C-alpha atoms as a PDB file:
ATOM      1  CA  MET A   1    -168.227  41.733 103.525  1.00  0.00           C
ATOM      2  CA  LYS A   2    -164.885  39.974 103.941  1.00  0.00           C
ATOM      3  CA  LYS A   3    -166.440  37.625 106.507  1.00  0.00           C
ATOM      4  CA  LEU A   4    -169.271  36.838 104.067  1.00  0.00           C
ATOM      5  CA  ILE A   5    -166.827  36.081 101.261  1.00  0.00           C
ATOM      6  CA  SER A   6    -164.755  33.878 103.576  1.00  0.00           C
ATOM      7  CA  ALA A   7    -167.844  32.011 104.698  1.00  0.00           C
ATOM      8  CA  LEU A   8    -168.992  31.469 101.119  1.00  0.00           C
ATOM      9  CA  TRP A   9    -165.510  30.248 100.154  1.00  0.00           C
ATOM     10  CA  LEU A  10    -165.528  27.784 103.060  1.00  0.00           C
ATOM     11  CA  VAL A  11    -168.960  26.439 102.114  1.00  0.00           C
ATOM     12  CA  SER A  12    -167.862  26.106  98.484  1.00  0.00           C
ATOM     13  CA  THR A  13    -164.651  24.310  99.491  1.00  0.00           C
ATOM     14  CA  LEU A  14    -166.473  21.894 101.776  1.00  0.00           C
ATOM     15  CA  ALA A  15    -169.046  21.173  99.072  1.00  0.00           C
ATOM     16  CA  THR A  16    -166.284  20.558  96.540  1.00  0.00           C
ATOM     17  CA  GLY A  17    -164.491  18.239  98.965  1.00  0.00           C
ATOM     18  CA  ALA A  18    -167.701  16.304  99.613  1.00  0.00           C
ATOM     19  CA  ALA A  19    -168.343  15.874  95.885  1.00  0.00           C
ATOM     20  CA  TRP A  20    -164.743  14.903  95.129  1.00  0.00           C
ATOM     21  CA  ALA A  21    -164.875  12.310  97.908  1.00  0.00           C
ATOM     22  CA  GLN A  22    -167.268  10.314  95.754  1.00  0.00           C
ATOM     23  CA  PRO A  23    -165.698   7.708  93.460  1.00  0.00           C
ATOM     24  CA  TYR A  24    -166.791   7.268  89.863  1.00  0.00           C
ATOM     25  CA  ALA A  25    -169.576   4.757  89.235  1.00  0.00           C
ATOM     26  CA  PRO A  26    -168.257   1.153  89.189  1.00  0.00           C
ATOM     27  CA  ASN A  27    -167.928  -0.884  86.002  1.00  0.00           C
ATOM     28  CA  ASP A  28    -169.842  -4.095  85.277  1.00  0.00           C
ATOM     29  CA  ALA A  29    -167.443  -6.005  87.551  1.00  0.00           C
ATOM     30  CA  GLY A  30    -168.386  -3.708  90.450  1.00  0.00           C
ATOM     31  CA  VAL A  31    -164.965  -1.993  90.502  1.00  0.00           C
ATOM     32  CA  THR A  32    -163.937   1.670  90.513  1.00  0.00           C
ATOM     33  CA  ASN A  33    -160.668   3.460  91.233  1.00  0.00           C
ATOM     34  CA  GLY A  34    -160.184   4.140  94.929  1.00  0.00           C
ATOM     35  CA  HIS A  35    -156.911   5.462  96.306  1.00  0.00           C
ATOM     36  CA  TRP A  36    -153.139   5.698  96.238  1.00  0.00           C
ATOM     37  CA  HIS A  37    -151.451   5.027  99.584  1.00  0.00           C
ATOM     38  CA  LEU A  38    -148.161   6.793 100.258  1.00  0.00           C
ATOM     39  CA  ASN A  39    -145.449   5.992 102.779  1.00  0.00           C
ATOM     40  CA  SER A  40    -144.421   9.577 103.452  1.00  0.00           C
ATOM     41  CA  ARG A  41    -141.267  10.643 105.277  1.00  0.00           C
ATOM     42  CA  ASP A  42    -142.561  14.222 105.486  1.00  0.00           C
ATOM     43  CA  VAL A  43    -146.348  14.256 105.482  1.00  0.00           C
ATOM     44  CA  ALA A  44    -146.627  18.045 105.785  1.00  0.00           C
ATOM     45  CA  ALA A  45    -144.326  18.758 102.836  1.00  0.00           C
ATOM     46  CA  ASN A  46    -145.961  16.230 100.551  1.00  0.00           C
ATOM     47  CA  LYS A  47    -149.469  17.223 101.577  1.00  0.00           C
ATOM     48  CA  HIS A  48    -148.585  20.837 100.762  1.00  0.00           C
ATOM     49  CA  ILE A  49    -147.563  19.801  97.240  1.00  0.00           C
ATOM     50  CA  LEU A  50    -150.795  17.885  96.649  1.00  0.00           C
ATOM     51  CA  LEU A  51    -153.001  20.659  98.027  1.00  0.00           C
ATOM     52  CA  SER A  52    -151.135  23.281  95.980  1.00  0.00           C
ATOM     53  CA  MET A  53    -151.826  21.201  92.866  1.00  0.00           C
ATOM     54  CA  GLY A  54    -155.561  21.454  93.533  1.00  0.00           C
ATOM     55  CA  GLY A  55    -156.378  18.569  95.840  1.00  0.00           C
ATOM     56  CA  VAL A  56    -158.851  18.993  98.696  1.00  0.00           C
ATOM     57  CA  ALA A  57    -157.978  17.980 102.256  1.00  0.00           C
ATOM     58  CA  ILE A  58    -160.512  15.619 103.806  1.00  0.00           C
ATOM     59  CA  GLY A  59    -160.607  13.556 106.991  1.00  0.00           C
ATOM     60  CA  PRO A  60    -160.070  11.434 108.866  1.00  0.00           C
ATOM     61  CA  GLY A  61    -156.284  11.391 108.825  1.00  0.00           C
ATOM     62  CA  GLU A  62    -153.968  12.920 106.250  1.00  0.00           C
ATOM     63  CA  ARG A  63    -155.906  12.584 103.026  1.00  0.00           C
ATOM     64  CA  VAL A  64    -156.097  14.634  99.849  1.00  0.00           C
ATOM     65  CA  GLN A  65    -158.934  14.078  97.392  1.00  0.00           C
ATOM     66  CA  PHE A  66    -158.796  14.601  93.645  1.00  0.00           C
ATOM     67  CA  PRO A  67    -161.534  13.753  91.157  1.00  0.00           C
ATOM     68  CA  GLY A  68    -161.057  10.062  90.525  1.00  0.00           C
ATOM     69  CA  VAL A  69    -158.694   9.220  93.395  1.00  0.00           C
ATOM     70  CA  LEU A  70    -158.041   9.681  97.105  1.00  0.00           C
ATOM     71  CA  VAL A  71    -154.390  10.087  98.146  1.00  0.00           C
ATOM     72  CA  ILE A  72    -153.635   8.807 101.653  1.00  0.00           C
ATOM     73  CA  LEU A  73    -150.391   9.964 103.279  1.00  0.00           C
ATOM     74  CA  ASN A  74    -149.320   7.401 105.818  1.00  0.00           C
ATOM     75  CA  GLN A  75    -148.160   8.511 109.229  1.00  0.00           C
ATOM     76  CA  GLY A  76    -149.115   5.373 111.142  1.00  0.00           C
ATOM     77  CA  PRO A  77    -146.641   4.265 113.817  1.00  0.00           C
ATOM     78  CA  ASN A  78    -146.564   0.638 112.681  1.00  0.00           C
ATOM     79  CA  THR A  79    -145.710   1.178 109.021  1.00  0.00           C
ATOM     80  CA  PRO A  80    -142.029   1.339 108.059  1.00  0.00           C
ATOM     81  CA  PRO A  81    -140.786   4.485 106.337  1.00  0.00           C
ATOM     82  CA  SER A  82    -140.541   4.580 102.591  1.00  0.00           C
ATOM     83  CA  THR A  83    -137.481   2.816 101.214  1.00  0.00           C
ATOM     84  CA  GLY A  84    -137.448   4.775  97.964  1.00  0.00           C
ATOM     85  CA  GLY A  85    -139.402   6.540  95.263  1.00  0.00           C
ATOM     86  CA  THR A  86    -141.585   5.110  92.541  1.00  0.00           C
ATOM     87  CA  VAL A  87    -138.787   4.913  89.955  1.00  0.00           C
ATOM     88  CA  GLY A  88    -137.393   1.395  90.120  1.00  0.00           C
ATOM     89  CA  THR A  89    -140.740  -0.172  91.011  1.00  0.00           C
ATOM     90  CA  VAL A  90    -143.317  -1.776  88.761  1.00  0.00           C
ATOM     91  CA  VAL A  91    -145.437   1.407  89.123  1.00  0.00           C
ATOM     92  CA  ASN A  92    -142.966   3.949  87.757  1.00  0.00           C
ATOM     93  CA  HIS A  93    -145.331   6.901  88.107  1.00  0.00           C
ATOM     94  CA  ILE A  94    -148.907   8.085  88.403  1.00  0.00           C
ATOM     95  CA  GLY A  95    -150.574  10.771  86.314  1.00  0.00           C
ATOM     96  CA  PHE A  96    -152.948  13.727  86.483  1.00  0.00           C
ATOM     97  CA  THR A  97    -154.506  15.851  83.752  1.00  0.00           C
ATOM     98  CA  VAL A  98    -155.259  19.587  83.793  1.00  0.00           C
ATOM     99  CA  PRO A  99    -157.006  21.784  81.212  1.00  0.00           C
ATOM    100  CA  ASN A 100    -153.884  23.902  80.635  1.00  0.00           C
ATOM    101  CA  VAL A 101    -150.464  22.741  81.803  1.00  0.00           C
ATOM    102  CA  GLN A 102    -148.726  26.120  81.577  1.00  0.00           C
ATOM    103  CA  GLU A 103    -151.439  27.928  83.541  1.00  0.00           C
ATOM    104  CA  ALA A 104    -151.443  25.231  86.205  1.00  0.00           C
ATOM    105  CA  VAL A 105    -147.651  25.178  86.472  1.00  0.00           C
ATOM    106  CA  ALA A 106    -147.475  28.954  86.947  1.00  0.00           C
ATOM    107  CA  LYS A 107    -149.714  28.650  90.021  1.00  0.00           C
ATOM    108  CA  TRP A 108    -147.907  25.575  91.320  1.00  0.00           C
ATOM    109  CA  LYS A 109    -144.440  27.087  91.052  1.00  0.00           C
ATOM    110  CA  ALA A 110    -145.614  30.153  92.962  1.00  0.00           C
ATOM    111  CA  ALA A 111    -146.668  27.769  95.746  1.00  0.00           C
ATOM    112  CA  GLY A 112    -143.339  25.936  95.711  1.00  0.00           C
ATOM    113  CA  VAL A 113    -144.364  22.816  93.771  1.00  0.00           C
ATOM    114  CA  PRO A 114    -141.320  21.269  92.019  1.00  0.00           C
ATOM    115  CA  PHE A 115    -142.016  20.933  88.290  1.00  0.00           C
ATOM    116  CA  GLU A 116    -139.841  19.716  85.440  1.00  0.00           C
ATOM    117  CA  PRO A 117    -140.905  20.201  81.808  1.00  0.00           C
ATOM    118  CA  GLY A 118    -141.304  17.260  79.470  1.00  0.00           C
ATOM    119  CA  ALA A 119    -139.568  16.823  76.145  1.00  0.00           C
ATOM    120  CA  PRO A 120    -137.921  19.953  74.693  1.00  0.00           C
ATOM    121  CA  GLY A 121    -140.538  22.226  73.152  1.00  0.00           C
ATOM    122  CA  ARG A 122    -143.446  20.248  74.565  1.00  0.00           C
ATOM    123  CA  LEU A 123    -145.631  22.579  76.642  1.00  0.00           C
ATOM    124  CA  ASN A 124    -148.529  20.240  77.377  1.00  0.00           C
ATOM    125  CA  GLN A 125    -146.695  17.702  79.551  1.00  0.00           C
ATOM    126  CA  GLY A 126    -144.241  17.586  82.425  1.00  0.00           C
ATOM    127  CA  TRP A 127    -143.351  16.090  85.797  1.00  0.00           C
ATOM    128  CA  VAL A 128    -143.816  16.754  89.496  1.00  0.00           C
ATOM    129  CA  THR A 129    -141.658  14.711  91.852  1.00  0.00           C
ATOM    130  CA  THR A 130    -142.451  15.004  95.557  1.00  0.00           C
ATOM    131  CA  THR A 131    -139.859  15.133  98.309  1.00  0.00           C
ATOM    132  CA  ASP A 132    -140.509  11.419  98.893  1.00  0.00           C
ATOM    133  CA  GLY A 133    -139.830  10.512  95.261  1.00  0.00           C
ATOM    134  CA  LEU A 134    -143.420  10.069  94.098  1.00  0.00           C
ATOM    135  CA  LYS A 135    -143.201  10.715  90.357  1.00  0.00           C
ATOM    136  CA  ILE A 136    -146.311  12.354  88.882  1.00  0.00           C
ATOM    137  CA  GLU A 137    -146.844  12.949  85.175  1.00  0.00           C
ATOM    138  CA  ILE A 138    -148.888  16.027  84.273  1.00  0.00           C
ATOM    139  CA  GLN A 139    -150.690  16.023  80.940  1.00  0.00           C
ATOM    140  CA  GLU A 140    -153.141  18.370  79.255  1.00  0.00           C
ATOM    141  CA  ASP A 141    -156.793  17.688  78.529  1.00  0.00           C
ATOM    142  CA  LYS A 142    -158.385  20.879  77.240  1.00  0.00           C
ATOM    143  CA  ASP A 143    -161.867  19.336  77.353  1.00  0.00           C
ATOM    144  CA  GLN A 144    -161.985  18.354  81.017  1.00  0.00           C
ATOM    145  CA  LYS A 145    -164.117  20.452  83.368  1.00  0.00           C
ATOM    146  CA  GLU A 146    -162.197  19.812  86.582  1.00  0.00           C
ATOM    147  CA  PRO A 147    -159.048  21.893  87.261  1.00  0.00           C
ATOM    148  CA  ILE A 148    -157.192  18.615  87.936  1.00  0.00           C
ATOM    149  CA  ARG A 149    -158.117  14.938  88.010  1.00  0.00           C
ATOM    150  CA  SER A 150    -156.438  11.568  88.223  1.00  0.00           C
ATOM    151  CA  LYS A 151    -155.615  10.033  84.859  1.00  0.00           C
ATOM    152  CA  HIS A 152    -153.353   7.012  84.986  1.00  0.00           C
ATOM    153  CA  VAL A 153    -151.119   4.522  86.750  1.00  0.00           C
ATOM    154  CA  HIS A 154    -148.099   3.641  84.616  1.00  0.00           C
ATOM    155  CA  PHE A 155    -146.632   0.148  84.896  1.00  0.00           C
ATOM    156  CA  PHE A 156    -143.085  -0.586  83.698  1.00  0.00           C
ATOM    157  CA  LEU A 157    -142.902  -4.273  82.729  1.00  0.00           C
ATOM    158  CA  PRO A 158    -140.841  -6.664  80.597  1.00  0.00           C
ATOM    159  CA  GLU A 159    -142.323  -6.969  77.118  1.00  0.00           C
ATOM    160  CA  LYS A 160    -143.804 -10.426  77.637  1.00  0.00           C
ATOM    161  CA  ALA A 161    -145.553  -9.318  80.828  1.00  0.00           C
ATOM    162  CA  ILE A 162    -147.368  -6.376  79.238  1.00  0.00           C
ATOM    163  CA  ALA A 163    -150.029  -8.374  77.415  1.00  0.00           C
ATOM    164  CA  GLU A 164    -150.320 -10.698  80.407  1.00  0.00           C
ATOM    165  CA  SER A 165    -150.838  -7.796  82.804  1.00  0.00           C
ATOM    166  CA  GLN A 166    -153.365  -6.090  80.543  1.00  0.00           C
ATOM    167  CA  ALA A 167    -155.333  -9.353  80.364  1.00  0.00           C
ATOM    168  CA  TRP A 168    -155.013  -9.968  84.127  1.00  0.00           C
ATOM    169  CA  TYR A 169    -156.499  -6.593  85.026  1.00  0.00           C
ATOM    170  CA  GLY A 170    -159.277  -7.257  82.535  1.00  0.00           C
ATOM    171  CA  LYS A 171    -160.061 -10.647  84.034  1.00  0.00           C
ATOM    172  CA  VAL A 172    -159.784  -9.642  87.693  1.00  0.00           C
ATOM    173  CA  PHE A 173    -161.154  -6.083  87.672  1.00  0.00           C
ATOM    174  CA  GLY A 174    -163.052  -5.796  84.403  1.00  0.00           C
ATOM    175  CA  ALA A 175    -160.589  -3.255  82.973  1.00  0.00           C
ATOM    176  CA  LYS A 176    -161.276  -2.591  79.284  1.00  0.00           C
ATOM    177  CA  ALA A 177    -158.281  -3.210  77.037  1.00  0.00           C
ATOM    178  CA  GLY A 178    -157.362  -0.535  74.511  1.00  0.00           C
ATOM    179  CA  VAL A 179    -154.498   1.252  72.781  1.00  0.00           C
ATOM    180  CA  LEU A 180    -153.135   4.768  73.329  1.00  0.00           C
ATOM    181  CA  ASN A 181    -150.378   6.125  71.090  1.00  0.00           C
ATOM    182  CA  ASN A 182    -149.662   2.556  69.913  1.00  0.00           C
ATOM    183  CA  ASN A 183    -149.238   1.357  73.494  1.00  0.00           C
ATOM    184  CA  PRO A 184    -151.614  -0.970  75.362  1.00  0.00           C
ATOM    185  CA  VAL A 185    -153.842   0.422  78.112  1.00  0.00           C
ATOM    186  CA  ALA A 186    -156.647  -0.868  80.324  1.00  0.00           C
ATOM    187  CA  ASP A 187    -159.434   1.448  81.496  1.00  0.00           C
ATOM    188  CA  LEU A 188    -161.267   1.445  84.811  1.00  0.00           C
ATOM    189  CA  PRO A 189    -163.635   4.118  86.151  1.00  0.00           C
ATOM    190  CA  GLY A 190    -161.425   6.956  87.410  1.00  0.00           C
ATOM    191  CA  VAL A 191    -158.098   5.656  86.089  1.00  0.00           C
ATOM    192  CA  GLN A 192    -156.324   4.317  83.024  1.00  0.00           C
ATOM    193  CA  LEU A 193    -153.684   1.621  83.454  1.00  0.00           C
ATOM    194  CA  ARG A 194    -150.789   2.145  81.048  1.00  0.00           C
ATOM    195  CA  PHE A 195    -147.915  -0.187  80.209  1.00  0.00           C
ATOM    196  CA  ASN A 196    -144.338   0.580  79.243  1.00  0.00           C
ATOM    197  CA  LYS A 197    -141.619  -1.875  78.178  1.00  0.00           C
ATOM    198  CA  VAL A 198    -138.435  -2.314  80.220  1.00  0.00           C
ATOM    199  CA  SER A 199    -135.616  -4.818  79.755  1.00  0.00           C
ATOM    200  CA  VAL A 200    -135.486  -6.035  83.370  1.00  0.00           C
ATOM    201  CA  ALA A 201    -138.346  -6.588  85.814  1.00  0.00           C
ATOM    202  CA  GLU A 202    -138.763  -3.742  88.302  1.00  0.00           C
ATOM    203  CA  GLY A 203    -139.174  -4.108  92.075  1.00  0.00           C
ATOM    204  CA  PRO A 204    -142.434  -4.471  94.034  1.00  0.00           C
ATOM    205  CA  THR A 205    -144.317  -1.466  95.392  1.00  0.00           C
ATOM    206  CA  LYS A 206    -144.718  -2.597  99.011  1.00  0.00           C
ATOM    207  CA  GLY A 207    -142.595  -0.492 101.351  1.00  0.00           C
ATOM    208  CA  ARG A 208    -141.860   2.179  98.745  1.00  0.00           C
ATOM    209  CA  VAL A 209    -143.364   5.657  98.642  1.00  0.00           C
ATOM    210  CA  LEU A 210    -146.355   4.363  96.639  1.00  0.00           C
ATOM    211  CA  ASP A 211    -146.924   1.317  98.802  1.00  0.00           C
ATOM    212  CA  HIS A 212    -150.115   0.283  97.045  1.00  0.00           C
ATOM    213  CA  ILE A 213    -152.948   1.353  94.813  1.00  0.00           C
ATOM    214  CA  GLY A 214    -156.556   0.776  95.807  1.00  0.00           C
ATOM    215  CA  PHE A 215    -159.790  -0.206  94.088  1.00  0.00           C
ATOM    216  CA  ASP A 216    -163.271   0.082  95.565  1.00  0.00           C
ATOM    217  CA  VAL A 217    -165.635  -2.843  95.011  1.00  0.00           C
ATOM    218  CA  LYS A 218    -169.349  -3.199  95.646  1.00  0.00           C
ATOM    219  CA  ASP A 219    -169.378  -6.502  97.567  1.00  0.00           C
ATOM    220  CA  LEU A 220    -165.948  -7.355  98.914  1.00  0.00           C
ATOM    221  CA  LYS A 221    -166.736 -10.819 100.296  1.00  0.00           C
ATOM    222  CA  ALA A 222    -168.254 -11.874  96.989  1.00  0.00           C
ATOM    223  CA  PHE A 223    -165.343 -10.294  95.124  1.00  0.00           C
ATOM    224  CA  ILE A 224    -162.834 -12.223  97.251  1.00  0.00           C
ATOM    225  CA  ALA A 225    -164.704 -15.455  96.527  1.00  0.00           C
ATOM    226  CA  LYS A 226    -164.439 -14.690  92.797  1.00  0.00           C
ATOM    227  CA  LEU A 227    -160.715 -13.995  93.151  1.00  0.00           C
ATOM    228  CA  GLU A 228    -160.081 -17.239  94.975  1.00  0.00           C
ATOM    229  CA  ALA A 229    -162.064 -19.189  92.391  1.00  0.00           C
ATOM    230  CA  ALA A 230    -159.765 -17.682  89.756  1.00  0.00           C
ATOM    231  CA  GLY A 231    -156.669 -18.671  91.719  1.00  0.00           C
ATOM    232  CA  VAL A 232    -155.872 -15.197  93.082  1.00  0.00           C
ATOM    233  CA  LYS A 233    -154.866 -15.394  96.739  1.00  0.00           C
ATOM    234  CA  LEU A 234    -155.059 -12.689  99.376  1.00  0.00           C
ATOM    235  CA  ASP A 235    -151.722 -11.483 100.732  1.00  0.00           C
ATOM    236  CA  ALA A 236    -150.519 -13.245 103.876  1.00  0.00           C
ATOM    237  CA  ASP A 237    -151.082 -10.005 105.822  1.00  0.00           C
ATOM    238  CA  GLY A 238    -154.081  -8.943 103.761  1.00  0.00           C
ATOM    239  CA  ALA A 239    -156.978 -11.011 105.059  1.00  0.00           C
ATOM    240  CA  TYR A 240    -160.475  -9.537 104.968  1.00  0.00           C
ATOM    241  CA  ARG A 241    -161.377  -7.245 107.828  1.00  0.00           C
ATOM    242  CA  VAL A 242    -163.610  -4.248 108.583  1.00  0.00           C
ATOM    243  CA  ASN A 243    -161.985  -1.123 110.023  1.00  0.00           C
ATOM    244  CA  ASP A 244    -163.351   1.192 112.720  1.00  0.00           C
ATOM    245  CA  VAL A 245    -165.384   3.269 110.244  1.00  0.00           C
ATOM    246  CA  GLY A 246    -167.012   0.262 108.607  1.00  0.00           C
ATOM    247  CA  VAL A 247    -164.839  -0.040 105.484  1.00  0.00           C
ATOM    248  CA  GLY A 248    -164.130  -3.588 104.339  1.00  0.00           C
ATOM    249  CA  ILE A 249    -160.458  -4.160 103.525  1.00  0.00           C
ATOM    250  CA  ALA A 250    -158.363  -6.877 101.901  1.00  0.00           C
ATOM    251  CA  PHE A 251    -155.032  -6.965 100.025  1.00  0.00           C
ATOM    252  CA  ILE A 252    -153.691  -8.799  97.006  1.00  0.00           C
ATOM    253  CA  THR A 253    -150.527  -8.383  94.958  1.00  0.00           C
ATOM    254  CA  ASP A 254    -150.567  -8.712  91.199  1.00  0.00           C
ATOM    255  CA  PRO A 255    -148.139 -11.215  89.590  1.00  0.00           C
ATOM    256  CA  TRP A 256    -145.621  -8.419  88.860  1.00  0.00           C
ATOM    257  CA  GLY A 257    -145.374  -6.850  92.325  1.00  0.00           C
ATOM    258  CA  THR A 258    -148.080  -4.177  92.528  1.00  0.00           C
ATOM    259  CA  ARG A 259    -149.773  -4.304  95.912  1.00  0.00           C
ATOM    260  CA  ILE A 260    -153.512  -3.612  95.691  1.00  0.00           C
ATOM    261  CA  GLU A 261    -155.962  -2.750  98.448  1.00  0.00           C
ATOM    262  CA  LEU A 262    -159.590  -3.738  97.960  1.00  0.00           C
ATOM    263  CA  ASN A 263    -162.218  -1.671  99.771  1.00  0.00           C
ATOM    264  CA  GLU A 264    -165.950  -1.895 100.265  1.00  0.00           C
ATOM    265  CA  ARG A 265    -167.226   1.461 101.525  1.00  0.00           C
ATOM    266  CA  PRO A 266    -170.578   1.496 103.327  1.00  0.00           C
ATOM    267  CA  LYS A 267    -173.313   3.570 101.678  1.00  0.00           C
ATOM    268  CA  ALA A 268    -171.005   4.625  98.846  1.00  0.00           C
ATOM    269  CA  VAL A 269    -172.311   7.419  96.597  1.00  0.00           C
ATOM    270  CA  TYR A 270    -170.880   7.552  93.100  1.00  0.00           C
ATOM    271  CA  LEU A 271    -170.182  10.315  90.614  1.00  0.00           C
ATOM    272  CA  PRO A 272    -171.762   9.853  87.178  1.00  0.00           C
END
């Protein structure tokens, strides 16, 4: 009986991982959220945190899938180690939502996940900071069906740059501008881009623990042509290429220092 239960659990886990590996359907610009790429000093420790929070390990490499985003933990020999956490960069933190923060936190703490509560008396929000300094906001969404899912990427920008950045992501990626709690946001399938005002411009993401964020696109060559027509240049080290599993890759950096990977995945299957 125990073997049967274990087998059923394994099948269920594999099926969940396969489903979660699918990105959300692209928007009218052919764009959907793809991944967050970490420069990790301790892959095992950080992977343990992400798996304990409800992510699913998938291959190849050190990858943890959540609904809405794939987290890649770098351990490549040619990439320099992280030079610091997300605080102090233009992407101050990333965010997940869960149906019940207190229930989730009780499980996470038992597994050794570091959690700090939010504002005094607020039980529906808090923070996880990994050993590499990746800052993750946890918020509550009682209506969501998944036990955890990606929610947002939070940019910290000078006031003048906020409207410019919101418009740039709308023009380049088709992100829909909106307002949340009197603050501007821009929505893409699988992620919300949020903007917070700071007095001094923050540093770029490249080389830090969150080296870059990634978006999947339907036709990367055509997308690059559209970028170039709009005056957006590929990074000097980010020219178009296809990797050994057939994924098209290119890199750009937004005007405020966020490095962005663009991917075209062969035979992509999307969640509704």
